[in-house]
Amino acid sequence: MATRRNGPSNPKDEAPVPTSKPQDKQARLLAEENPGHFSLVRALHLADFITELNGFCGVMSIFSSLRYCIQDTPHNYTNLYWALGFIPLGLFFDFMDGKVARWRKKASLMGQELDSLADLISFGMGPAAAAFALGLRTPVDHLLLTFFVLCGLTRLARFNVTVAMVPKDDTGKSKYFEGTPIPMSLGMVQLMAYWVYKGWTLEHLPLGLWLDGTPFAFHPVVGMFILHGCLMVSKTIHVPKP
C-alpha cells in the first residue's frame, strides 16, 4: 500500500511531523469557540481533500453494489464493474494524498484519522459490499464478511496507536507493517472482477453453496475474506516497507 498515513512513504508512520504554522492554524481553527462558517473545511489541507476522494470512491463502490442488488437484470454487470472499479481508483487517491502531503510538507492528526476512515470504507466495506452483491448473501456469509470488516477496523486503529513505536530506519521511516495493510484487499477485488467477467455470480459462484437448506449455509469462497482479516490483525507478520 502506498499512502501518506497508512502505507509506504507515509509521513504519519515516519518520524513525528514537527509542529508547523499550517498545523497551528488547523488546530486553532478547530479549537476556537466561534471559528465561523465552514471552519472545518478551511482547516483541511490539500492532501486531506485528496483523502476525501478516496472515501468518495469507497462510498460510490458501495452504492454501485446496492444498485446491482436492486436491478431487475442480474446478468447486466455494469453496476458490479463500477463497484469493483471504484476500489482501485480509491487506491490511486490513497497513494496521491501521500505524494501531495510530502510535496507541500503538510500533515495533520485530523488527516491521519481521515486516511484511516477512508481506507476502511474503500478497502473494507467496499469489497465486502461487492462480495454481497456477487452472491455471498447467506446469514453465515454476512457474519464472516462482518468479521473481515472489523479486522480492518481493528488493524487501522492499532496502526494509529502503535506507529510511533514501530522501529525506524535512518530516515525515520517505519521498517515494516504489523499485519498486512488493508488495501491488499485489492487482490480479492481483482479476483471478483474475474468472476464477473466469467459470469460466476449469484448461484454460479466458484465452489458453490455448502450446507444448502440449513441455517449454516455458506459459500466457501468467503474464506478468502477470513484469511485476509486474520492476516491484517496478526502481530507477528511483519511486511517490509519498500
C-alpha atoms as a PDB file:
ATOM      1  CA  MET A   1       0.000   0.000   0.000  1.00  0.00           C
ATOM      2  CA  ALA A   2       1.282   3.415  -0.813  1.00  0.00           C
ATOM      3  CA  THR A   3      -0.343   6.080   1.267  1.00  0.00           C
ATOM      4  CA  ARG A   4       0.614   9.120   3.211  1.00  0.00           C
ATOM      5  CA  ARG A   5      -0.607   7.797   6.585  1.00  0.00           C
ATOM      6  CA  ASN A   6      -1.222   4.056   6.407  1.00  0.00           C
ATOM      7  CA  GLY A   7       1.248   2.842   3.841  1.00  0.00           C
ATOM      8  CA  PRO A   8       4.700   3.186   2.288  1.00  0.00           C
ATOM      9  CA  SER A   9       6.169   6.688   2.211  1.00  0.00           C
ATOM     10  CA  ASN A  10       3.646   7.789   4.765  1.00  0.00           C
ATOM     11  CA  PRO A  11       4.604  10.896   6.766  1.00  0.00           C
ATOM     12  CA  LYS A  12       2.485   9.754   9.694  1.00  0.00           C
ATOM     13  CA  ASP A  13       4.275   6.427  10.040  1.00  0.00           C
ATOM     14  CA  GLU A  14       7.689   8.026   9.865  1.00  0.00           C
ATOM     15  CA  ALA A  15       9.245  10.367  12.395  1.00  0.00           C
ATOM     16  CA  PRO A  16       6.765  12.666  14.153  1.00  0.00           C
ATOM     17  CA  VAL A  17       5.940  15.661  11.981  1.00  0.00           C
ATOM     18  CA  PRO A  18       7.249  18.802  13.675  1.00  0.00           C
ATOM     19  CA  THR A  19       4.686  21.406  14.569  1.00  0.00           C
ATOM     20  CA  SER A  20       4.413  23.990  11.805  1.00  0.00           C
ATOM     21  CA  LYS A  21       2.461  27.155  11.269  1.00  0.00           C
ATOM     22  CA  PRO A  22      -0.053  25.413   8.936  1.00  0.00           C
ATOM     23  CA  GLN A  23      -0.690  22.805  11.614  1.00  0.00           C
ATOM     24  CA  ASP A  24      -1.030  25.523  14.257  1.00  0.00           C
ATOM     25  CA  LYS A  25      -3.591  27.223  12.040  1.00  0.00           C
ATOM     26  CA  GLN A  26      -5.563  23.988  11.708  1.00  0.00           C
ATOM     27  CA  ALA A  27      -5.505  23.369  15.457  1.00  0.00           C
ATOM     28  CA  ARG A  28      -6.526  26.942  16.130  1.00  0.00           C
ATOM     29  CA  LEU A  29      -9.448  26.806  13.691  1.00  0.00           C
ATOM     30  CA  LEU A  30     -10.713  23.581  15.238  1.00  0.00           C
ATOM     31  CA  ALA A  31     -10.318  24.794  18.823  1.00  0.00           C
ATOM     32  CA  GLU A  32     -11.902  28.234  18.508  1.00  0.00           C
ATOM     33  CA  GLU A  33     -15.246  28.675  20.235  1.00  0.00           C
ATOM     34  CA  ASN A  34     -16.638  30.753  17.362  1.00  0.00           C
ATOM     35  CA  PRO A  35     -14.478  29.837  14.360  1.00  0.00           C
ATOM     36  CA  GLY A  36     -17.013  30.956  11.748  1.00  0.00           C
ATOM     37  CA  HIS A  37     -18.769  29.132   8.978  1.00  0.00           C
ATOM     38  CA  PHE A  38     -17.025  26.256   7.203  1.00  0.00           C
ATOM     39  CA  SER A  39     -14.053  26.401   9.577  1.00  0.00           C
ATOM     40  CA  LEU A  40     -13.690  22.638   9.357  1.00  0.00           C
ATOM     41  CA  VAL A  41     -13.376  22.818   5.578  1.00  0.00           C
ATOM     42  CA  ARG A  42     -10.924  25.716   5.847  1.00  0.00           C
ATOM     43  CA  ALA A  43      -8.821  23.662   8.266  1.00  0.00           C
ATOM     44  CA  LEU A  44      -8.255  20.869   5.758  1.00  0.00           C
ATOM     45  CA  HIS A  45      -5.010  20.644   3.808  1.00  0.00           C
ATOM     46  CA  LEU A  46      -4.916  19.870   0.092  1.00  0.00           C
ATOM     47  CA  ALA A  47      -3.821  16.306   0.868  1.00  0.00           C
ATOM     48  CA  ASP A  48      -6.883  15.912   3.096  1.00  0.00           C
ATOM     49  CA  PHE A  49      -9.201  16.750   0.198  1.00  0.00           C
ATOM     50  CA  ILE A  50      -7.491  14.045  -1.853  1.00  0.00           C
ATOM     51  CA  THR A  51      -8.059  11.645   1.036  1.00  0.00           C
ATOM     52  CA  GLU A  52     -11.733  12.598   0.893  1.00  0.00           C
ATOM     53  CA  LEU A  53     -11.739  11.459  -2.755  1.00  0.00           C
ATOM     54  CA  ASN A  54     -10.570   8.059  -1.544  1.00  0.00           C
ATOM     55  CA  GLY A  55     -13.589   7.957   0.758  1.00  0.00           C
ATOM     56  CA  PHE A  56     -15.800   9.155  -2.102  1.00  0.00           C
ATOM     57  CA  CYS A  57     -14.681   6.183  -4.210  1.00  0.00           C
ATOM     58  CA  GLY A  58     -15.469   3.785  -1.374  1.00  0.00           C
ATOM     59  CA  VAL A  59     -18.972   5.167  -0.899  1.00  0.00           C
ATOM     60  CA  MET A  60     -19.640   5.096  -4.643  1.00  0.00           C
ATOM     61  CA  SER A  61     -18.460   1.481  -4.749  1.00  0.00           C
ATOM     62  CA  ILE A  62     -20.970   0.550  -2.052  1.00  0.00           C
ATOM     63  CA  PHE A  63     -23.796   2.399  -3.809  1.00  0.00           C
ATOM     64  CA  SER A  64     -22.935   0.655  -7.077  1.00  0.00           C
ATOM     65  CA  SER A  65     -23.177  -2.717  -5.316  1.00  0.00           C
ATOM     66  CA  LEU A  66     -26.568  -1.721  -3.943  1.00  0.00           C
ATOM     67  CA  ARG A  67     -27.733  -0.644  -7.389  1.00  0.00           C
ATOM     68  CA  TYR A  68     -26.818  -4.062  -8.748  1.00  0.00           C
ATOM     69  CA  CYS A  69     -28.776  -5.770  -5.957  1.00  0.00           C
ATOM     70  CA  ILE A  70     -31.995  -3.896  -6.758  1.00  0.00           C
ATOM     71  CA  GLN A  71     -31.826  -4.008 -10.553  1.00  0.00           C
ATOM     72  CA  ASP A  72     -34.136  -6.315 -12.498  1.00  0.00           C
ATOM     73  CA  THR A  73     -31.454  -7.718 -14.810  1.00  0.00           C
ATOM     74  CA  PRO A  74     -28.917  -9.721 -12.780  1.00  0.00           C
ATOM     75  CA  HIS A  75     -26.893 -10.549 -15.893  1.00  0.00           C
ATOM     76  CA  ASN A  76     -26.193  -6.885 -16.585  1.00  0.00           C
ATOM     77  CA  TYR A  77     -22.916  -6.460 -14.712  1.00  0.00           C
ATOM     78  CA  THR A  78     -22.344  -2.755 -15.339  1.00  0.00           C
ATOM     79  CA  ASN A  79     -23.009  -1.770 -11.742  1.00  0.00           C
ATOM     80  CA  LEU A  80     -20.799  -4.594 -10.487  1.00  0.00           C
ATOM     81  CA  TYR A  81     -17.936  -3.392 -12.646  1.00  0.00           C
ATOM     82  CA  TRP A  82     -18.443   0.117 -11.294  1.00  0.00           C
ATOM     83  CA  ALA A  83     -18.474  -1.241  -7.743  1.00  0.00           C
ATOM     84  CA  LEU A  84     -15.206  -3.077  -8.265  1.00  0.00           C
ATOM     85  CA  GLY A  85     -13.626  -0.315 -10.359  1.00  0.00           C
ATOM     86  CA  PHE A  86     -14.092   2.416  -7.768  1.00  0.00           C
ATOM     87  CA  ILE A  87     -11.887   0.495  -5.311  1.00  0.00           C
ATOM     88  CA  PRO A  88      -8.587   0.690  -7.248  1.00  0.00           C
ATOM     89  CA  LEU A  89      -9.459   4.317  -8.048  1.00  0.00           C
ATOM     90  CA  GLY A  90      -9.635   4.867  -4.294  1.00  0.00           C
ATOM     91  CA  LEU A  91      -6.178   3.313  -4.005  1.00  0.00           C
ATOM     92  CA  PHE A  92      -4.895   5.871  -6.517  1.00  0.00           C
ATOM     93  CA  PHE A  93      -6.127   8.725  -4.328  1.00  0.00           C
ATOM     94  CA  ASP A  94      -4.776   6.908  -1.253  1.00  0.00           C
ATOM     95  CA  PHE A  95      -1.361   6.989  -2.925  1.00  0.00           C
ATOM     96  CA  MET A  96      -1.637  10.563  -4.181  1.00  0.00           C
ATOM     97  CA  ASP A  97      -2.529  12.113  -0.834  1.00  0.00           C
ATOM     98  CA  GLY A  98       0.863  10.991   0.454  1.00  0.00           C
ATOM     99  CA  LYS A  99       2.608  12.467  -2.571  1.00  0.00           C
ATOM    100  CA  VAL A 100       0.873  15.804  -2.041  1.00  0.00           C
ATOM    101  CA  ALA A 101       1.498  15.771   1.723  1.00  0.00           C
ATOM    102  CA  ARG A 102       5.236  15.292   1.168  1.00  0.00           C
ATOM    103  CA  TRP A 103       5.337  17.842  -1.649  1.00  0.00           C
ATOM    104  CA  ARG A 104       3.651  20.520   0.462  1.00  0.00           C
ATOM    105  CA  LYS A 105       5.270  19.276   3.716  1.00  0.00           C
ATOM    106  CA  LYS A 106       1.935  19.403   5.471  1.00  0.00           C
ATOM    107  CA  ALA A 107       0.401  16.613   7.538  1.00  0.00           C
ATOM    108  CA  SER A 108      -2.020  16.618  10.457  1.00  0.00           C
ATOM    109  CA  LEU A 109      -3.585  14.389  13.051  1.00  0.00           C
ATOM    110  CA  MET A 110      -7.000  15.004  11.511  1.00  0.00           C
ATOM    111  CA  GLY A 111      -5.605  13.946   8.151  1.00  0.00           C
ATOM    112  CA  GLN A 112      -4.306  10.774   9.762  1.00  0.00           C
ATOM    113  CA  GLU A 113      -7.754   9.900  11.016  1.00  0.00           C
ATOM    114  CA  LEU A 114      -9.356  10.804   7.685  1.00  0.00           C
ATOM    115  CA  ASP A 115      -6.970   8.427   5.952  1.00  0.00           C
ATOM    116  CA  SER A 116      -7.867   5.501   8.203  1.00  0.00           C
ATOM    117  CA  LEU A 117     -11.604   6.114   7.892  1.00  0.00           C
ATOM    118  CA  ALA A 118     -11.399   6.445   4.104  1.00  0.00           C
ATOM    119  CA  ASP A 119      -9.368   3.219   3.900  1.00  0.00           C
ATOM    120  CA  LEU A 120     -11.975   1.378   5.945  1.00  0.00           C
ATOM    121  CA  ILE A 121     -14.713   2.456   3.538  1.00  0.00           C
ATOM    122  CA  SER A 122     -12.801   1.836   0.307  1.00  0.00           C
ATOM    123  CA  PHE A 123     -10.877  -1.322   1.180  1.00  0.00           C
ATOM    124  CA  GLY A 124     -13.084  -2.805   3.909  1.00  0.00           C
ATOM    125  CA  MET A 125     -16.732  -2.007   3.311  1.00  0.00           C
ATOM    126  CA  GLY A 126     -16.337  -1.651  -0.468  1.00  0.00           C
ATOM    127  CA  PRO A 127     -15.064  -5.204  -1.111  1.00  0.00           C
ATOM    128  CA  ALA A 128     -17.496  -6.669   1.451  1.00  0.00           C
ATOM    129  CA  ALA A 129     -20.470  -4.959  -0.231  1.00  0.00           C
ATOM    130  CA  ALA A 130     -19.261  -6.144  -3.646  1.00  0.00           C
ATOM    131  CA  ALA A 131     -18.980  -9.714  -2.333  1.00  0.00           C
ATOM    132  CA  PHE A 132     -22.544  -9.487  -1.039  1.00  0.00           C
ATOM    133  CA  ALA A 133     -23.712  -8.233  -4.422  1.00  0.00           C
ATOM    134  CA  LEU A 134     -21.913 -11.099  -6.183  1.00  0.00           C
ATOM    135  CA  GLY A 135     -23.826 -13.641  -4.141  1.00  0.00           C
ATOM    136  CA  LEU A 136     -22.371 -14.057  -0.641  1.00  0.00           C
ATOM    137  CA  ARG A 137     -25.787 -13.498   0.890  1.00  0.00           C
ATOM    138  CA  THR A 138     -26.414 -16.193   3.485  1.00  0.00           C
ATOM    139  CA  PRO A 139     -26.519 -15.251   7.195  1.00  0.00           C
ATOM    140  CA  VAL A 140     -23.201 -17.048   7.743  1.00  0.00           C
ATOM    141  CA  ASP A 141     -21.686 -15.176   4.800  1.00  0.00           C
ATOM    142  CA  HIS A 142     -22.833 -11.932   6.419  1.00  0.00           C
ATOM    143  CA  LEU A 143     -21.160 -12.780   9.726  1.00  0.00           C
ATOM    144  CA  LEU A 144     -17.891 -13.720   8.046  1.00  0.00           C
ATOM    145  CA  LEU A 145     -17.845 -10.596   5.882  1.00  0.00           C
ATOM    146  CA  THR A 146     -18.513  -8.557   9.017  1.00  0.00           C
ATOM    147  CA  PHE A 147     -15.537 -10.274  10.658  1.00  0.00           C
ATOM    148  CA  PHE A 148     -13.369  -9.130   7.740  1.00  0.00           C
ATOM    149  CA  VAL A 149     -14.518  -5.507   8.045  1.00  0.00           C
ATOM    150  CA  LEU A 150     -13.993  -5.495  11.818  1.00  0.00           C
ATOM    151  CA  CYS A 151     -10.486  -6.886  11.358  1.00  0.00           C
ATOM    152  CA  GLY A 152      -9.768  -3.988   9.015  1.00  0.00           C
ATOM    153  CA  LEU A 153     -11.198  -1.548  11.550  1.00  0.00           C
ATOM    154  CA  THR A 154      -9.046  -3.024  14.325  1.00  0.00           C
ATOM    155  CA  ARG A 155      -5.936  -3.072  12.169  1.00  0.00           C
ATOM    156  CA  LEU A 156      -6.277   0.608  11.276  1.00  0.00           C
ATOM    157  CA  ALA A 157      -6.889   1.570  14.912  1.00  0.00           C
ATOM    158  CA  ARG A 158      -3.814  -0.389  16.017  1.00  0.00           C
ATOM    159  CA  PHE A 159      -1.736   1.280  13.331  1.00  0.00           C
ATOM    160  CA  ASN A 160      -2.701   4.764  14.504  1.00  0.00           C
ATOM    161  CA  VAL A 161      -1.843   3.891  18.099  1.00  0.00           C
ATOM    162  CA  THR A 162       1.413   1.970  17.572  1.00  0.00           C
ATOM    163  CA  VAL A 163       3.013   3.643  14.548  1.00  0.00           C
ATOM    164  CA  ALA A 164       5.327   5.718  16.732  1.00  0.00           C
ATOM    165  CA  MET A 165       6.625   2.538  18.410  1.00  0.00           C
ATOM    166  CA  VAL A 166       7.493   0.633  15.223  1.00  0.00           C
ATOM    167  CA  PRO A 167      11.305   0.547  14.631  1.00  0.00           C
ATOM    168  CA  LYS A 168      12.514   3.234  12.225  1.00  0.00           C
ATOM    169  CA  ASP A 169      15.355   3.364   9.721  1.00  0.00           C
ATOM    170  CA  ASP A 170      17.928   6.158   9.485  1.00  0.00           C
ATOM    171  CA  THR A 171      15.452   8.409   7.668  1.00  0.00           C
ATOM    172  CA  GLY A 172      12.794   7.999  10.362  1.00  0.00           C
ATOM    173  CA  LYS A 173      10.616   5.754   8.200  1.00  0.00           C
ATOM    174  CA  SER A 174       8.969   2.689   9.747  1.00  0.00           C
ATOM    175  CA  LYS A 175      10.759  -0.504   8.738  1.00  0.00           C
ATOM    176  CA  TYR A 176       7.659  -2.672   8.408  1.00  0.00           C
ATOM    177  CA  PHE A 177       3.895  -3.009   8.745  1.00  0.00           C
ATOM    178  CA  GLU A 178       2.420  -5.049  11.557  1.00  0.00           C
ATOM    179  CA  GLY A 179      -0.058  -7.288   9.763  1.00  0.00           C
ATOM    180  CA  THR A 180      -0.991  -6.892   6.117  1.00  0.00           C
ATOM    181  CA  PRO A 181      -2.238  -3.436   5.010  1.00  0.00           C
ATOM    182  CA  ILE A 182      -5.972  -3.224   4.382  1.00  0.00           C
ATOM    183  CA  PRO A 183      -5.571  -2.115   0.713  1.00  0.00           C
ATOM    184  CA  MET A 184      -4.269  -5.603  -0.015  1.00  0.00           C
ATOM    185  CA  SER A 185      -7.959  -6.445  -0.332  1.00  0.00           C
ATOM    186  CA  LEU A 186      -7.438  -5.185  -3.877  1.00  0.00           C
ATOM    187  CA  GLY A 187      -6.279  -8.718  -4.692  1.00  0.00           C
ATOM    188  CA  MET A 188      -9.719 -10.045  -3.800  1.00  0.00           C
ATOM    189  CA  VAL A 189     -11.312  -7.259  -5.821  1.00  0.00           C
ATOM    190  CA  GLN A 190      -9.344  -8.353  -8.886  1.00  0.00           C
ATOM    191  CA  LEU A 191     -10.442 -11.946  -8.325  1.00  0.00           C
ATOM    192  CA  MET A 192     -14.092 -10.905  -8.023  1.00  0.00           C
ATOM    193  CA  ALA A 193     -13.769  -8.862 -11.219  1.00  0.00           C
ATOM    194  CA  TYR A 194     -12.584 -12.036 -12.961  1.00  0.00           C
ATOM    195  CA  TRP A 195     -15.624 -13.916 -11.627  1.00  0.00           C
ATOM    196  CA  VAL A 196     -17.897 -11.212 -13.014  1.00  0.00           C
ATOM    197  CA  TYR A 197     -16.129 -11.413 -16.370  1.00  0.00           C
ATOM    198  CA  LYS A 198     -16.706 -15.187 -16.433  1.00  0.00           C
ATOM    199  CA  GLY A 199     -20.318 -14.840 -15.262  1.00  0.00           C
ATOM    200  CA  TRP A 200     -19.591 -16.643 -11.974  1.00  0.00           C
ATOM    201  CA  THR A 201     -22.047 -14.722  -9.827  1.00  0.00           C
ATOM    202  CA  LEU A 202     -25.044 -15.461  -7.589  1.00  0.00           C
ATOM    203  CA  GLU A 203     -25.814 -19.198  -7.873  1.00  0.00           C
ATOM    204  CA  HIS A 204     -22.754 -19.726 -10.099  1.00  0.00           C
ATOM    205  CA  LEU A 205     -20.084 -18.659  -7.603  1.00  0.00           C
ATOM    206  CA  PRO A 206     -16.941 -20.849  -7.572  1.00  0.00           C
ATOM    207  CA  LEU A 207     -17.204 -23.852  -5.203  1.00  0.00           C
ATOM    208  CA  GLY A 208     -20.956 -23.280  -4.919  1.00  0.00           C
ATOM    209  CA  LEU A 209     -23.019 -23.203  -1.730  1.00  0.00           C
ATOM    210  CA  TRP A 210     -22.314 -25.614   1.129  1.00  0.00           C
ATOM    211  CA  LEU A 211     -24.851 -26.856   3.693  1.00  0.00           C
ATOM    212  CA  ASP A 212     -27.645 -25.573   1.475  1.00  0.00           C
ATOM    213  CA  GLY A 213     -31.065 -25.780   3.112  1.00  0.00           C
ATOM    214  CA  THR A 214     -29.678 -25.370   6.630  1.00  0.00           C
ATOM    215  CA  PRO A 215     -29.210 -22.292   8.829  1.00  0.00           C
ATOM    216  CA  PHE A 216     -25.457 -22.784   8.382  1.00  0.00           C
ATOM    217  CA  ALA A 217     -25.371 -22.471   4.593  1.00  0.00           C
ATOM    218  CA  PHE A 218     -22.326 -20.582   3.360  1.00  0.00           C
ATOM    219  CA  HIS A 219     -20.139 -20.060   0.310  1.00  0.00           C
ATOM    220  CA  PRO A 220     -16.602 -21.432   0.792  1.00  0.00           C
ATOM    221  CA  VAL A 221     -15.096 -18.543  -1.179  1.00  0.00           C
ATOM    222  CA  VAL A 222     -15.884 -16.292   1.772  1.00  0.00           C
ATOM    223  CA  GLY A 223     -12.850 -17.938   3.342  1.00  0.00           C
ATOM    224  CA  MET A 224     -10.551 -15.561   1.463  1.00  0.00           C
ATOM    225  CA  PHE A 225     -12.074 -12.679   3.429  1.00  0.00           C
ATOM    226  CA  ILE A 226     -11.499 -14.547   6.679  1.00  0.00           C
ATOM    227  CA  LEU A 227      -7.871 -15.210   5.740  1.00  0.00           C
ATOM    228  CA  HIS A 228      -7.247 -11.597   4.826  1.00  0.00           C
ATOM    229  CA  GLY A 229      -8.887 -10.428   8.037  1.00  0.00           C
ATOM    230  CA  CYS A 230      -6.658 -12.686  10.149  1.00  0.00           C
ATOM    231  CA  LEU A 231      -3.540 -11.535   8.306  1.00  0.00           C
ATOM    232  CA  MET A 232      -4.434  -7.883   8.898  1.00  0.00           C
ATOM    233  CA  VAL A 233      -4.652  -8.238  12.670  1.00  0.00           C
ATOM    234  CA  SER A 234      -1.626 -10.504  13.012  1.00  0.00           C
ATOM    235  CA  LYS A 235       1.008  -9.139  15.383  1.00  0.00           C
ATOM    236  CA  THR A 236       3.761 -11.485  14.243  1.00  0.00           C
ATOM    237  CA  ILE A 237       3.545 -10.820  10.496  1.00  0.00           C
ATOM    238  CA  HIS A 238       5.876  -8.005   9.541  1.00  0.00           C
ATOM    239  CA  VAL A 239       5.537  -6.750   5.977  1.00  0.00           C
ATOM    240  CA  PRO A 240       8.728  -4.867   4.934  1.00  0.00           C
ATOM    241  CA  LYS A 241       8.100  -1.346   3.707  1.00  0.00           C
ATOM    242  CA  PRO A 242       9.518  -0.602   0.235  1.00  0.00           C
END
